[in-house]
C-alpha atoms as a PDB file:
ATOM      1  CA  UNK A   1     -13.648   9.878 -21.507  1.00  0.00           C
ATOM      2  CA  UNK A   2     -10.488   7.833 -21.192  1.00  0.00           C
ATOM      3  CA  UNK A   3      -9.692   6.124 -24.501  1.00  0.00           C
ATOM      4  CA  UNK A   4      -8.095   3.210 -22.622  1.00  0.00           C
ATOM      5  CA  UNK A   5     -11.596   2.298 -21.411  1.00  0.00           C
ATOM      6  CA  UNK A   6     -12.724   1.631 -24.973  1.00  0.00           C
ATOM      7  CA  UNK A   7     -12.192  -1.509 -27.015  1.00  0.00           C
ATOM      8  CA  UNK A   8     -10.748  -0.707 -30.484  1.00  0.00           C
ATOM      9  CA  UNK A   9     -12.838  -1.268 -33.590  1.00  0.00           C
ATOM     10  CA  UNK A  10     -11.563  -2.075 -37.060  1.00  0.00           C
ATOM     11  CA  UNK A  11      -9.400   0.748 -38.355  1.00  0.00           C
ATOM     12  CA  UNK A  12      -8.223   1.645 -34.840  1.00  0.00           C
ATOM     13  CA  UNK A  13     -11.297   3.740 -33.985  1.00  0.00           C
ATOM     14  CA  UNK A  14     -12.427   3.591 -30.363  1.00  0.00           C
ATOM     15  CA  UNK A  15     -15.370   1.263 -29.896  1.00  0.00           C
ATOM     16  CA  UNK A  16     -17.872   0.809 -27.098  1.00  0.00           C
ATOM     17  CA  UNK A  17     -16.768   1.207 -23.525  1.00  0.00           C
ATOM     18  CA  UNK A  18     -15.155  -1.927 -22.085  1.00  0.00           C
ATOM     19  CA  UNK A  19     -16.975  -3.682 -19.245  1.00  0.00           C
ATOM     20  CA  UNK A  20     -16.103  -2.583 -15.708  1.00  0.00           C
ATOM     21  CA  UNK A  21     -14.721  -6.030 -14.835  1.00  0.00           C
ATOM     22  CA  UNK A  22     -12.289  -5.844 -17.735  1.00  0.00           C
ATOM     23  CA  UNK A  23     -11.120  -2.342 -16.760  1.00  0.00           C
ATOM     24  CA  UNK A  24     -10.780  -3.433 -13.127  1.00  0.00           C
ATOM     25  CA  UNK A  25      -8.714  -6.430 -14.201  1.00  0.00           C
ATOM     26  CA  UNK A  26      -6.317  -4.158 -16.099  1.00  0.00           C
ATOM     27  CA  UNK A  27      -5.881  -1.910 -13.066  1.00  0.00           C
ATOM     28  CA  UNK A  28      -5.468  -4.906 -10.763  1.00  0.00           C
ATOM     29  CA  UNK A  29      -2.712  -6.244 -13.022  1.00  0.00           C
ATOM     30  CA  UNK A  30      -0.939  -2.867 -12.902  1.00  0.00           C
ATOM     31  CA  UNK A  31      -1.134  -2.761  -9.106  1.00  0.00           C
ATOM     32  CA  UNK A  32       0.094  -6.353  -8.795  1.00  0.00           C
ATOM     33  CA  UNK A  33       3.058  -5.612 -11.088  1.00  0.00           C
ATOM     34  CA  UNK A  34       3.918  -2.544  -9.016  1.00  0.00           C
ATOM     35  CA  UNK A  35       3.705  -4.531  -5.769  1.00  0.00           C
ATOM     36  CA  UNK A  36       5.936  -7.252  -7.205  1.00  0.00           C
ATOM     37  CA  UNK A  37       8.539  -4.642  -8.194  1.00  0.00           C
ATOM     38  CA  UNK A  38       8.382  -3.090  -4.723  1.00  0.00           C
ATOM     39  CA  UNK A  39       8.747  -6.486  -3.020  1.00  0.00           C
ATOM     40  CA  UNK A  40      11.681  -7.385  -5.261  1.00  0.00           C
ATOM     41  CA  UNK A  41      13.407  -4.102  -4.383  1.00  0.00           C
ATOM     42  CA  UNK A  42      12.775  -4.709  -0.684  1.00  0.00           C
ATOM     43  CA  UNK A  43      14.103  -8.273  -0.932  1.00  0.00           C
ATOM     44  CA  UNK A  44      17.231  -6.977  -2.685  1.00  0.00           C
ATOM     45  CA  UNK A  45      17.795  -4.417   0.073  1.00  0.00           C
ATOM     46  CA  UNK A  46      17.362  -7.055   2.758  1.00  0.00           C
ATOM     47  CA  UNK A  47      19.643  -9.445   0.922  1.00  0.00           C
ATOM     48  CA  UNK A  48      22.309  -6.740   0.642  1.00  0.00           C
ATOM     49  CA  UNK A  49      22.110  -6.277   4.421  1.00  0.00           C
ATOM     50  CA  UNK A  50      22.896  -9.922   5.093  1.00  0.00           C
ATOM     51  CA  UNK A  51      25.250 -10.821   2.270  1.00  0.00           C
ATOM     52  CA  UNK A  52      28.229 -11.134   4.566  1.00  0.00           C
ATOM     53  CA  UNK A  53      28.062 -14.241   6.723  1.00  0.00           C
ATOM     54  CA  UNK A  54      27.647 -13.436  10.380  1.00  0.00           C
ATOM     55  CA  UNK A  55      30.803 -15.358  11.252  1.00  0.00           C
ATOM     56  CA  UNK A  56      32.833 -12.756   9.290  1.00  0.00           C
ATOM     57  CA  UNK A  57      31.596  -9.888  11.487  1.00  0.00           C
ATOM     58  CA  UNK A  58      33.524  -8.909  14.573  1.00  0.00           C
ATOM     59  CA  UNK A  59      31.785  -8.637  17.940  1.00  0.00           C
ATOM     60  CA  UNK A  60      31.624  -4.873  17.445  1.00  0.00           C
ATOM     61  CA  UNK A  61      30.238  -5.363  13.938  1.00  0.00           C
ATOM     62  CA  UNK A  62      27.481  -7.595  15.297  1.00  0.00           C
ATOM     63  CA  UNK A  63      26.683  -5.043  18.002  1.00  0.00           C
ATOM     64  CA  UNK A  64      26.555  -2.235  15.426  1.00  0.00           C
ATOM     65  CA  UNK A  65      24.279  -4.236  13.127  1.00  0.00           C
ATOM     66  CA  UNK A  66      22.002  -5.138  16.037  1.00  0.00           C
ATOM     67  CA  UNK A  67      21.808  -1.499  17.162  1.00  0.00           C
ATOM     68  CA  UNK A  68      21.058  -0.348  13.606  1.00  0.00           C
ATOM     69  CA  UNK A  69      18.233  -2.862  13.185  1.00  0.00           C
ATOM     70  CA  UNK A  70      16.763  -2.003  16.597  1.00  0.00           C
ATOM     71  CA  UNK A  71      16.753   1.687  15.645  1.00  0.00           C
ATOM     72  CA  UNK A  72      15.018   0.918  12.337  1.00  0.00           C
ATOM     73  CA  UNK A  73      12.448  -1.236  14.111  1.00  0.00           C
ATOM     74  CA  UNK A  74      11.746   1.528  16.638  1.00  0.00           C
ATOM     75  CA  UNK A  75      11.178   4.007  13.805  1.00  0.00           C
ATOM     76  CA  UNK A  76       8.827   1.634  11.966  1.00  0.00           C
ATOM     77  CA  UNK A  77       6.922   0.975  15.200  1.00  0.00           C
ATOM     78  CA  UNK A  78       6.576   4.707  15.842  1.00  0.00           C
ATOM     79  CA  UNK A  79       5.263   5.306  12.311  1.00  0.00           C
ATOM     80  CA  UNK A  80       2.827   2.405  12.721  1.00  0.00           C
ATOM     81  CA  UNK A  81       1.488   3.873  15.982  1.00  0.00           C
ATOM     82  CA  UNK A  82       1.018   7.264  14.302  1.00  0.00           C
ATOM     83  CA  UNK A  83      -0.853   5.648  11.402  1.00  0.00           C
ATOM     84  CA  UNK A  84      -3.100   3.718  13.780  1.00  0.00           C
ATOM     85  CA  UNK A  85      -3.863   6.914  15.690  1.00  0.00           C
ATOM     86  CA  UNK A  86      -4.859   8.642  12.441  1.00  0.00           C
ATOM     87  CA  UNK A  87      -7.020   5.663  11.478  1.00  0.00           C
ATOM     88  CA  UNK A  88      -8.728   5.846  14.886  1.00  0.00           C
ATOM     89  CA  UNK A  89      -9.428   9.570  14.485  1.00  0.00           C
ATOM     90  CA  UNK A  90     -10.915   9.070  11.015  1.00  0.00           C
ATOM     91  CA  UNK A  91     -13.013   6.121  12.170  1.00  0.00           C
ATOM     92  CA  UNK A  92     -14.375   8.074  15.129  1.00  0.00           C
ATOM     93  CA  UNK A  93     -15.226  11.036  12.900  1.00  0.00           C
ATOM     94  CA  UNK A  94     -17.107   8.782  10.503  1.00  0.00           C
ATOM     95  CA  UNK A  95     -19.028   7.117  13.357  1.00  0.00           C
ATOM     96  CA  UNK A  96     -19.924  10.509  14.816  1.00  0.00           C
ATOM     97  CA  UNK A  97     -21.173  11.793  11.448  1.00  0.00           C
ATOM     98  CA  UNK A  98     -23.292   8.705  10.881  1.00  0.00           C
ATOM     99  CA  UNK A  99     -24.652   8.934  14.421  1.00  0.00           C
ATOM    100  CA  UNK A 100     -25.611  12.617  13.920  1.00  0.00           C
ATOM    101  CA  UNK A 101     -27.335  11.795  10.630  1.00  0.00           C
ATOM    102  CA  UNK A 102     -29.211   8.929  12.227  1.00  0.00           C
ATOM    103  CA  UNK A 103     -30.270  11.062  15.221  1.00  0.00           C
ATOM    104  CA  UNK A 104     -31.386  13.786  12.815  1.00  0.00           C
ATOM    105  CA  UNK A 105     -33.616  11.329  10.978  1.00  0.00           C
ATOM    106  CA  UNK A 106     -31.564  11.356   7.778  1.00  0.00           C
ATOM    107  CA  UNK A 107     -31.163   8.299   5.608  1.00  0.00           C
ATOM    108  CA  UNK A 108     -27.725   6.808   6.385  1.00  0.00           C
ATOM    109  CA  UNK A 109     -27.132   5.591   2.837  1.00  0.00           C
ATOM    110  CA  UNK A 110     -25.391   8.101   0.554  1.00  0.00           C
END
């Protein structure tokens, strides 16, 4: 049993298990903190990309930056299409399994 799931008693001994809502709240706070750190890092990277005013870039510099961003966007789009294809495959497999269970007369609830 994870000791973090227990509320401490006097003397530092582990007490009764904390309620699920309280444990969920702790985990939610951890996830939110992690997401905030990730968003801050992303914002810093984006800011670093555009720190120089566009008027300081030459025509070739603008073309290079535009090409670079188009290449990044194409890669992200490709990865997104792959992820959606995997999601579709998993969804279809789940539907097929549930359909087979239902046709076989099994209870659909786990």
